Amino acid sequence: MRADIEDRCLEIGKYICDTKKTIRATAKIWGISKSTCHKDLVDRLPKIDPCLAKKVKEILDYHKAQRHILGGRATAEKWKMKKQV
């Protein structure tokens, strides 16, 4: 694997651990696609730094568990706004 890709994986992993941001938000900040960000964190990072990868996986699993709740809130807010108009 190229050194620049390894460095990016490590930096993104550390960023996720520090900020607890989602893949979508992280990809936007780093200027890469969500797919690339996900591949870096899920496929490449465990080969580079398994300990960091485990911490990142816990954060990503938490976000995945919260996804349906946040989506429900967004839908409720959308309908609430439509009723007020």
PDB file of N, CA and C in Angstrom:
ATOM      1  N   MET A   1       0.854  -1.176   0.000  1.00  0.00           N
ATOM      2  CA  MET A   1       0.000   0.000   0.000  1.00  0.00           C
ATOM      3  C   MET A   1       0.900   1.239   0.000  1.00  0.00           C
ATOM      4  N   ARG A   2       0.480   2.250  -0.719  1.00  0.00           N
ATOM      5  CA  ARG A   2       1.261   3.479  -0.802  1.00  0.00           C
ATOM      6  C   ARG A   2       1.295   4.187   0.541  1.00  0.00           C
ATOM      7  N   ALA A   3       2.395   4.862   0.805  1.00  0.00           N
ATOM      8  CA  ALA A   3       2.587   5.544   2.090  1.00  0.00           C
ATOM      9  C   ALA A   3       1.560   6.655   2.301  1.00  0.00           C
ATOM     10  N   ASP A   4       1.203   7.370   1.230  1.00  0.00           N
ATOM     11  CA  ASP A   4       0.243   8.460   1.394  1.00  0.00           C
ATOM     12  C   ASP A   4      -1.146   7.928   1.768  1.00  0.00           C
ATOM     13  N   ILE A   5      -1.503   6.765   1.260  1.00  0.00           N
ATOM     14  CA  ILE A   5      -2.801   6.167   1.613  1.00  0.00           C
ATOM     15  C   ILE A   5      -2.770   5.700   3.059  1.00  0.00           C
ATOM     16  N   GLU A   6      -1.671   5.099   3.482  1.00  0.00           N
ATOM     17  CA  GLU A   6      -1.541   4.674   4.873  1.00  0.00           C
ATOM     18  C   GLU A   6      -1.637   5.864   5.818  1.00  0.00           C
ATOM     19  N   ASP A   7      -0.946   6.940   5.480  1.00  0.00           N
ATOM     20  CA  ASP A   7      -0.992   8.148   6.310  1.00  0.00           C
ATOM     21  C   ASP A   7      -2.409   8.698   6.397  1.00  0.00           C
ATOM     22  N   ARG A   8      -3.103   8.720   5.252  1.00  0.00           N
ATOM     23  CA  ARG A   8      -4.479   9.211   5.233  1.00  0.00           C
ATOM     24  C   ARG A   8      -5.371   8.351   6.121  1.00  0.00           C
ATOM     25  N   CYS A   9      -5.217   7.045   6.035  1.00  0.00           N
ATOM     26  CA  CYS A   9      -6.019   6.134   6.864  1.00  0.00           C
ATOM     27  C   CYS A   9      -5.805   6.412   8.346  1.00  0.00           C
ATOM     28  N   LEU A  10      -4.550   6.551   8.735  1.00  0.00           N
ATOM     29  CA  LEU A  10      -4.237   6.820  10.140  1.00  0.00           C
ATOM     30  C   LEU A  10      -4.797   8.168  10.594  1.00  0.00           C
ATOM     31  N   GLU A  11      -4.624   9.182   9.760  1.00  0.00           N
ATOM     32  CA  GLU A  11      -5.119  10.515  10.113  1.00  0.00           C
ATOM     33  C   GLU A  11      -6.645  10.532  10.234  1.00  0.00           C
ATOM     34  N   ILE A  12      -7.322   9.890   9.297  1.00  0.00           N
ATOM     35  CA  ILE A  12      -8.787   9.838   9.342  1.00  0.00           C
ATOM     36  C   ILE A  12      -9.241   9.047  10.558  1.00  0.00           C
ATOM     37  N   GLY A  13      -8.577   7.948  10.865  1.00  0.00           N
ATOM     38  CA  GLY A  13      -8.918   7.153  12.038  1.00  0.00           C
ATOM     39  C   GLY A  13      -8.767   7.953  13.322  1.00  0.00           C
ATOM     40  N   LYS A  14      -7.662   8.677  13.447  1.00  0.00           N
ATOM     41  CA  LYS A  14      -7.444   9.514  14.630  1.00  0.00           C
ATOM     42  C   LYS A  14      -8.491  10.618  14.708  1.00  0.00           C
ATOM     43  N   TYR A  15      -8.841  11.195  13.561  1.00  0.00           N
ATOM     44  CA  TYR A  15      -9.844  12.251  13.520  1.00  0.00           C
ATOM     45  C   TYR A  15     -11.205  11.733  14.002  1.00  0.00           C
ATOM     46  N   ILE A  16     -11.598  10.562  13.524  1.00  0.00           N
ATOM     47  CA  ILE A  16     -12.873   9.961  13.944  1.00  0.00           C
ATOM     48  C   ILE A  16     -12.869   9.720  15.453  1.00  0.00           C
ATOM     49  N   CYS A  17     -11.767   9.205  15.983  1.00  0.00           N
ATOM     50  CA  CYS A  17     -11.686   8.934  17.422  1.00  0.00           C
ATOM     51  C   CYS A  17     -11.763  10.222  18.240  1.00  0.00           C
ATOM     52  N   ASP A  18     -11.128  11.278  17.757  1.00  0.00           N
ATOM     53  CA  ASP A  18     -11.114  12.542  18.491  1.00  0.00           C
ATOM     54  C   ASP A  18     -12.447  13.267  18.440  1.00  0.00           C
ATOM     55  N   THR A  19     -13.091  13.260  17.273  1.00  0.00           N
ATOM     56  CA  THR A  19     -14.291  14.079  17.090  1.00  0.00           C
ATOM     57  C   THR A  19     -15.595  13.303  17.157  1.00  0.00           C
ATOM     58  N   LYS A  20     -15.551  11.980  16.968  1.00  0.00           N
ATOM     59  CA  LYS A  20     -16.745  11.122  16.953  1.00  0.00           C
ATOM     60  C   LYS A  20     -17.695  11.482  15.802  1.00  0.00           C
ATOM     61  N   LYS A  21     -17.139  12.011  14.719  1.00  0.00           N
ATOM     62  CA  LYS A  21     -17.953  12.397  13.556  1.00  0.00           C
ATOM     63  C   LYS A  21     -18.315  11.175  12.727  1.00  0.00           C
ATOM     64  N   THR A  22     -19.324  11.334  11.889  1.00  0.00           N
ATOM     65  CA  THR A  22     -19.765  10.264  10.995  1.00  0.00           C
ATOM     66  C   THR A  22     -18.835  10.179   9.781  1.00  0.00           C
ATOM     67  N   ILE A  23     -18.978   9.105   9.034  1.00  0.00           N
ATOM     68  CA  ILE A  23     -18.188   8.946   7.806  1.00  0.00           C
ATOM     69  C   ILE A  23     -18.534  10.051   6.823  1.00  0.00           C
ATOM     70  N   ARG A  24     -19.806  10.383   6.713  1.00  0.00           N
ATOM     71  CA  ARG A  24     -20.235  11.426   5.779  1.00  0.00           C
ATOM     72  C   ARG A  24     -19.585  12.772   6.115  1.00  0.00           C
ATOM     73  N   ALA A  25     -19.613  13.154   7.389  1.00  0.00           N
ATOM     74  CA  ALA A  25     -19.018  14.427   7.802  1.00  0.00           C
ATOM     75  C   ALA A  25     -17.498  14.401   7.632  1.00  0.00           C
ATOM     76  N   THR A  26     -16.882  13.290   7.968  1.00  0.00           N
ATOM     77  CA  THR A  26     -15.434  13.157   7.847  1.00  0.00           C
ATOM     78  C   THR A  26     -14.999  13.233   6.387  1.00  0.00           C
ATOM     79  N   ALA A  27     -15.710  12.546   5.518  1.00  0.00           N
ATOM     80  CA  ALA A  27     -15.371  12.562   4.095  1.00  0.00           C
ATOM     81  C   ALA A  27     -15.469  13.976   3.535  1.00  0.00           C
ATOM     82  N   LYS A  28     -16.466  14.702   3.966  1.00  0.00           N
ATOM     83  CA  LYS A  28     -16.645  16.071   3.485  1.00  0.00           C
ATOM     84  C   LYS A  28     -15.479  16.959   3.918  1.00  0.00           C
ATOM     85  N   ILE A  29     -15.059  16.811   5.162  1.00  0.00           N
ATOM     86  CA  ILE A  29     -13.959  17.618   5.684  1.00  0.00           C
ATOM     87  C   ILE A  29     -12.643  17.269   4.992  1.00  0.00           C
ATOM     88  N   TRP A  30     -12.412  15.987   4.741  1.00  0.00           N
ATOM     89  CA  TRP A  30     -11.163  15.538   4.130  1.00  0.00           C
ATOM     90  C   TRP A  30     -11.181  15.672   2.613  1.00  0.00           C
ATOM     91  N   GLY A  31     -12.340  15.958   2.033  1.00  0.00           N
ATOM     92  CA  GLY A  31     -12.421  16.154   0.589  1.00  0.00           C
ATOM     93  C   GLY A  31     -12.309  14.873  -0.206  1.00  0.00           C
ATOM     94  N   ILE A  32     -12.833  13.764   0.362  1.00  0.00           N
ATOM     95  CA  ILE A  32     -12.839  12.486  -0.326  1.00  0.00           C
ATOM     96  C   ILE A  32     -14.271  11.964  -0.345  1.00  0.00           C
ATOM     97  N   SER A  33     -14.514  10.926  -1.127  1.00  0.00           N
ATOM     98  CA  SER A  33     -15.863  10.374  -1.190  1.00  0.00           C
ATOM     99  C   SER A  33     -16.153   9.547   0.060  1.00  0.00           C
ATOM    100  N   LYS A  34     -17.442   9.333   0.319  1.00  0.00           N
ATOM    101  CA  LYS A  34     -17.838   8.492   1.455  1.00  0.00           C
ATOM    102  C   LYS A  34     -17.326   7.075   1.268  1.00  0.00           C
ATOM    103  N   SER A  35     -17.330   6.607   0.032  1.00  0.00           N
ATOM    104  CA  SER A  35     -16.854   5.256  -0.258  1.00  0.00           C
ATOM    105  C   SER A  35     -15.373   5.100   0.062  1.00  0.00           C
ATOM    106  N   THR A  36     -14.580   6.078  -0.314  1.00  0.00           N
ATOM    107  CA  THR A  36     -13.149   6.036  -0.033  1.00  0.00           C
ATOM    108  C   THR A  36     -12.902   6.101   1.465  1.00  0.00           C
ATOM    109  N   CYS A  37     -13.618   6.971   2.141  1.00  0.00           N
ATOM    110  CA  CYS A  37     -13.480   7.106   3.583  1.00  0.00           C
ATOM    111  C   CYS A  37     -13.832   5.786   4.273  1.00  0.00           C
ATOM    112  N   HIS A  38     -14.932   5.185   3.854  1.00  0.00           N
ATOM    113  CA  HIS A  38     -15.365   3.918   4.441  1.00  0.00           C
ATOM    114  C   HIS A  38     -14.327   2.826   4.173  1.00  0.00           C
ATOM    115  N   LYS A  39     -13.829   2.750   2.966  1.00  0.00           N
ATOM    116  CA  LYS A  39     -12.823   1.732   2.620  1.00  0.00           C
ATOM    117  C   LYS A  39     -11.552   1.936   3.445  1.00  0.00           C
ATOM    118  N   ASP A  40     -11.138   3.187   3.609  1.00  0.00           N
ATOM    119  CA  ASP A  40      -9.961   3.476   4.427  1.00  0.00           C
ATOM    120  C   ASP A  40     -10.150   2.981   5.860  1.00  0.00           C
ATOM    121  N   LEU A  41     -11.317   3.238   6.427  1.00  0.00           N
ATOM    122  CA  LEU A  41     -11.551   2.928   7.837  1.00  0.00           C
ATOM    123  C   LEU A  41     -11.858   1.457   8.085  1.00  0.00           C
ATOM    124  N   VAL A  42     -12.568   0.818   7.179  1.00  0.00           N
ATOM    125  CA  VAL A  42     -13.033  -0.546   7.413  1.00  0.00           C
ATOM    126  C   VAL A  42     -12.089  -1.599   6.825  1.00  0.00           C
ATOM    127  N   ASP A  43     -11.526  -1.334   5.669  1.00  0.00           N
ATOM    128  CA  ASP A  43     -10.681  -2.332   5.011  1.00  0.00           C
ATOM    129  C   ASP A  43      -9.182  -2.113   5.254  1.00  0.00           C
ATOM    130  N   ARG A  44      -8.727  -0.881   5.091  1.00  0.00           N
ATOM    131  CA  ARG A  44      -7.286  -0.617   5.139  1.00  0.00           C
ATOM    132  C   ARG A  44      -6.750  -0.410   6.550  1.00  0.00           C
ATOM    133  N   LEU A  45      -7.482   0.318   7.391  1.00  0.00           N
ATOM    134  CA  LEU A  45      -6.990   0.654   8.727  1.00  0.00           C
ATOM    135  C   LEU A  45      -6.699  -0.575   9.593  1.00  0.00           C
ATOM    136  N   PRO A  46      -7.524  -1.624   9.576  1.00  0.00           N
ATOM    137  CA  PRO A  46      -7.202  -2.793  10.405  1.00  0.00           C
ATOM    138  C   PRO A  46      -5.854  -3.443  10.060  1.00  0.00           C
ATOM    139  N   LYS A  47      -5.422  -3.326   8.827  1.00  0.00           N
ATOM    140  CA  LYS A  47      -4.126  -3.879   8.430  1.00  0.00           C
ATOM    141  C   LYS A  47      -2.968  -2.993   8.894  1.00  0.00           C
ATOM    142  N   ILE A  48      -3.244  -1.699   9.040  1.00  0.00           N
ATOM    143  CA  ILE A  48      -2.206  -0.739   9.413  1.00  0.00           C
ATOM    144  C   ILE A  48      -2.088  -0.617  10.934  1.00  0.00           C
ATOM    145  N   ASP A  49      -3.227  -0.405  11.604  1.00  0.00           N
ATOM    146  CA  ASP A  49      -3.243  -0.202  13.067  1.00  0.00           C
ATOM    147  C   ASP A  49      -4.502  -0.846  13.646  1.00  0.00           C
ATOM    148  N   PRO A  50      -4.433  -2.123  14.020  1.00  0.00           N
ATOM    149  CA  PRO A  50      -5.619  -2.835  14.515  1.00  0.00           C
ATOM    150  C   PRO A  50      -6.256  -2.206  15.760  1.00  0.00           C
ATOM    151  N   CYS A  51      -5.442  -1.646  16.638  1.00  0.00           N
ATOM    152  CA  CYS A  51      -5.966  -1.035  17.868  1.00  0.00           C
ATOM    153  C   CYS A  51      -6.825   0.191  17.532  1.00  0.00           C
ATOM    154  N   LEU A  52      -6.316   1.049  16.677  1.00  0.00           N
ATOM    155  CA  LEU A  52      -7.069   2.233  16.250  1.00  0.00           C
ATOM    156  C   LEU A  52      -8.316   1.815  15.486  1.00  0.00           C
ATOM    157  N   ALA A  53      -8.186   0.790  14.664  1.00  0.00           N
ATOM    158  CA  ALA A  53      -9.325   0.305  13.874  1.00  0.00           C
ATOM    159  C   ALA A  53     -10.451  -0.176  14.786  1.00  0.00           C
ATOM    160  N   LYS A  54     -10.108  -0.790  15.895  1.00  0.00           N
ATOM    161  CA  LYS A  54     -11.127  -1.265  16.834  1.00  0.00           C
ATOM    162  C   LYS A  54     -11.899  -0.096  17.452  1.00  0.00           C
ATOM    163  N   LYS A  55     -11.177   0.961  17.814  1.00  0.00           N
ATOM    164  CA  LYS A  55     -11.821   2.146  18.378  1.00  0.00           C
ATOM    165  C   LYS A  55     -12.747   2.804  17.349  1.00  0.00           C
ATOM    166  N   VAL A  56     -12.273   2.898  16.113  1.00  0.00           N
ATOM    167  CA  VAL A  56     -13.065   3.491  15.042  1.00  0.00           C
ATOM    168  C   VAL A  56     -14.313   2.654  14.790  1.00  0.00           C
ATOM    169  N   LYS A  57     -14.175   1.337  14.796  1.00  0.00           N
ATOM    170  CA  LYS A  57     -15.311   0.452  14.558  1.00  0.00           C
ATOM    171  C   LYS A  57     -16.390   0.645  15.612  1.00  0.00           C
ATOM    172  N   GLU A  58     -16.005   0.845  16.866  1.00  0.00           N
ATOM    173  CA  GLU A  58     -16.978   1.081  17.933  1.00  0.00           C
ATOM    174  C   GLU A  58     -17.767   2.361  17.664  1.00  0.00           C
ATOM    175  N   ILE A  59     -17.092   3.395  17.220  1.00  0.00           N
ATOM    176  CA  ILE A  59     -17.755   4.665  16.917  1.00  0.00           C
ATOM    177  C   ILE A  59     -18.692   4.503  15.723  1.00  0.00           C
ATOM    178  N   LEU A  60     -18.226   3.823  14.680  1.00  0.00           N
ATOM    179  CA  LEU A  60     -19.058   3.619  13.492  1.00  0.00           C
ATOM    180  C   LEU A  60     -20.273   2.742  13.809  1.00  0.00           C
ATOM    181  N   ASP A  61     -20.088   1.744  14.657  1.00  0.00           N
ATOM    182  CA  ASP A  61     -21.213   0.896  15.061  1.00  0.00           C
ATOM    183  C   ASP A  61     -22.248   1.695  15.840  1.00  0.00           C
ATOM    184  N   TYR A  62     -21.786   2.620  16.676  1.00  0.00           N
ATOM    185  CA  TYR A  62     -22.713   3.484  17.417  1.00  0.00           C
ATOM    186  C   TYR A  62     -23.520   4.341  16.450  1.00  0.00           C
ATOM    187  N   HIS A  63     -22.848   4.941  15.483  1.00  0.00           N
ATOM    188  CA  HIS A  63     -23.555   5.763  14.495  1.00  0.00           C
ATOM    189  C   HIS A  63     -24.574   4.939  13.715  1.00  0.00           C
ATOM    190  N   LYS A  64     -24.202   3.723  13.385  1.00  0.00           N
ATOM    191  CA  LYS A  64     -25.122   2.850  12.646  1.00  0.00           C
ATOM    192  C   LYS A  64     -26.347   2.521  13.487  1.00  0.00           C
ATOM    193  N   ALA A  65     -26.149   2.326  14.786  1.00  0.00           N
ATOM    194  CA  ALA A  65     -27.266   2.018  15.677  1.00  0.00           C
ATOM    195  C   ALA A  65     -28.191   3.225  15.841  1.00  0.00           C
ATOM    196  N   GLN A  66     -27.673   4.429  15.730  1.00  0.00           N
ATOM    197  CA  GLN A  66     -28.469   5.644  15.905  1.00  0.00           C
ATOM    198  C   GLN A  66     -29.136   6.117  14.618  1.00  0.00           C
ATOM    199  N   ARG A  67     -28.766   5.537  13.507  1.00  0.00           N
ATOM    200  CA  ARG A  67     -29.223   6.003  12.196  1.00  0.00           C
ATOM    201  C   ARG A  67     -30.743   6.039  12.080  1.00  0.00           C
ATOM    202  N   HIS A  68     -31.424   5.003  12.521  1.00  0.00           N
ATOM    203  CA  HIS A  68     -32.881   4.954  12.363  1.00  0.00           C
ATOM    204  C   HIS A  68     -33.577   5.982  13.248  1.00  0.00           C
ATOM    205  N   ILE A  69     -33.001   6.293  14.383  1.00  0.00           N
ATOM    206  CA  ILE A  69     -33.585   7.291  15.287  1.00  0.00           C
ATOM    207  C   ILE A  69     -33.487   8.678  14.666  1.00  0.00           C
ATOM    208  N   LEU A  70     -32.312   9.007  14.161  1.00  0.00           N
ATOM    209  CA  LEU A  70     -32.110  10.322  13.560  1.00  0.00           C
ATOM    210  C   LEU A  70     -32.952  10.498  12.306  1.00  0.00           C
ATOM    211  N   GLY A  71     -33.091   9.443  11.521  1.00  0.00           N
ATOM    212  CA  GLY A  71     -33.929   9.512  10.329  1.00  0.00           C
ATOM    213  C   GLY A  71     -35.384   9.745  10.679  1.00  0.00           C
ATOM    214  N   GLY A  72     -35.838   9.112  11.745  1.00  0.00           N
ATOM    215  CA  GLY A  72     -37.218   9.308  12.204  1.00  0.00           C
ATOM    216  C   GLY A  72     -37.470  10.730  12.662  1.00  0.00           C
ATOM    217  N   ARG A  73     -36.503  11.287  13.359  1.00  0.00           N
ATOM    218  CA  ARG A  73     -36.641  12.681  13.815  1.00  0.00           C
ATOM    219  C   ARG A  73     -36.699  13.645  12.639  1.00  0.00           C
ATOM    220  N   ALA A  74     -35.866  13.398  11.643  1.00  0.00           N
ATOM    221  CA  ALA A  74     -35.841  14.271  10.469  1.00  0.00           C
ATOM    222  C   ALA A  74     -37.178  14.226   9.738  1.00  0.00           C
ATOM    223  N   THR A  75     -37.753  13.051   9.623  1.00  0.00           N
ATOM    224  CA  THR A  75     -39.048  12.906   8.958  1.00  0.00           C
ATOM    225  C   THR A  75     -40.140  13.607   9.755  1.00  0.00           C
ATOM    226  N   ALA A  76     -40.119  13.454  11.062  1.00  0.00           N
ATOM    227  CA  ALA A  76     -41.110  14.117  11.912  1.00  0.00           C
ATOM    228  C   ALA A  76     -41.016  15.625  11.784  1.00  0.00           C
ATOM    229  N   GLU A  77     -39.796  16.153  11.776  1.00  0.00           N
ATOM    230  CA  GLU A  77     -39.616  17.599  11.626  1.00  0.00           C
ATOM    231  C   GLU A  77     -40.109  18.081  10.268  1.00  0.00           C
ATOM    232  N   LYS A  78     -39.861  17.299   9.228  1.00  0.00           N
ATOM    233  CA  LYS A  78     -40.296  17.668   7.886  1.00  0.00           C
ATOM    234  C   LYS A  78     -41.820  17.786   7.839  1.00  0.00           C
ATOM    235  N   TRP A  79     -42.529  16.815   8.427  1.00  0.00           N
ATOM    236  CA  TRP A  79     -43.977  16.841   8.411  1.00  0.00           C
ATOM    237  C   TRP A  79     -44.524  17.941   9.302  1.00  0.00           C
ATOM    238  N   LYS A  80     -43.844  18.223  10.382  1.00  0.00           N
ATOM    239  CA  LYS A  80     -44.273  19.299  11.274  1.00  0.00           C
ATOM    240  C   LYS A  80     -44.195  20.649  10.544  1.00  0.00           C
ATOM    241  N   MET A  81     -43.134  20.826   9.759  1.00  0.00           N
ATOM    242  CA  MET A  81     -42.958  22.073   8.989  1.00  0.00           C
ATOM    243  C   MET A  81     -44.034  22.191   7.908  1.00  0.00           C
ATOM    244  N   LYS A  82     -44.394  21.080   7.274  1.00  0.00           N
ATOM    245  CA  LYS A  82     -45.411  21.117   6.225  1.00  0.00           C
ATOM    246  C   LYS A  82     -46.775  21.482   6.790  1.00  0.00           C
ATOM    247  N   LYS A  83     -47.081  21.028   7.984  1.00  0.00           N
ATOM    248  CA  LYS A  83     -48.376  21.330   8.608  1.00  0.00           C
ATOM    249  C   LYS A  83     -48.481  22.799   9.005  1.00  0.00           C
ATOM    250  N   GLN A  84     -47.339  23.427   9.349  1.00  0.00           N
ATOM    251  CA  GLN A  84     -47.351  24.828   9.745  1.00  0.00           C
ATOM    252  C   GLN A  84     -47.527  25.757   8.560  1.00  0.00           C
ATOM    253  N   VAL A  85     -47.154  25.318   7.382  1.00  0.00           N
ATOM    254  CA  VAL A  85     -47.218  26.180   6.187  1.00  0.00           C
ATOM    255  C   VAL A  85     -48.584  26.210   5.632  1.00  0.00           C
TER     256      VAL A  85
END
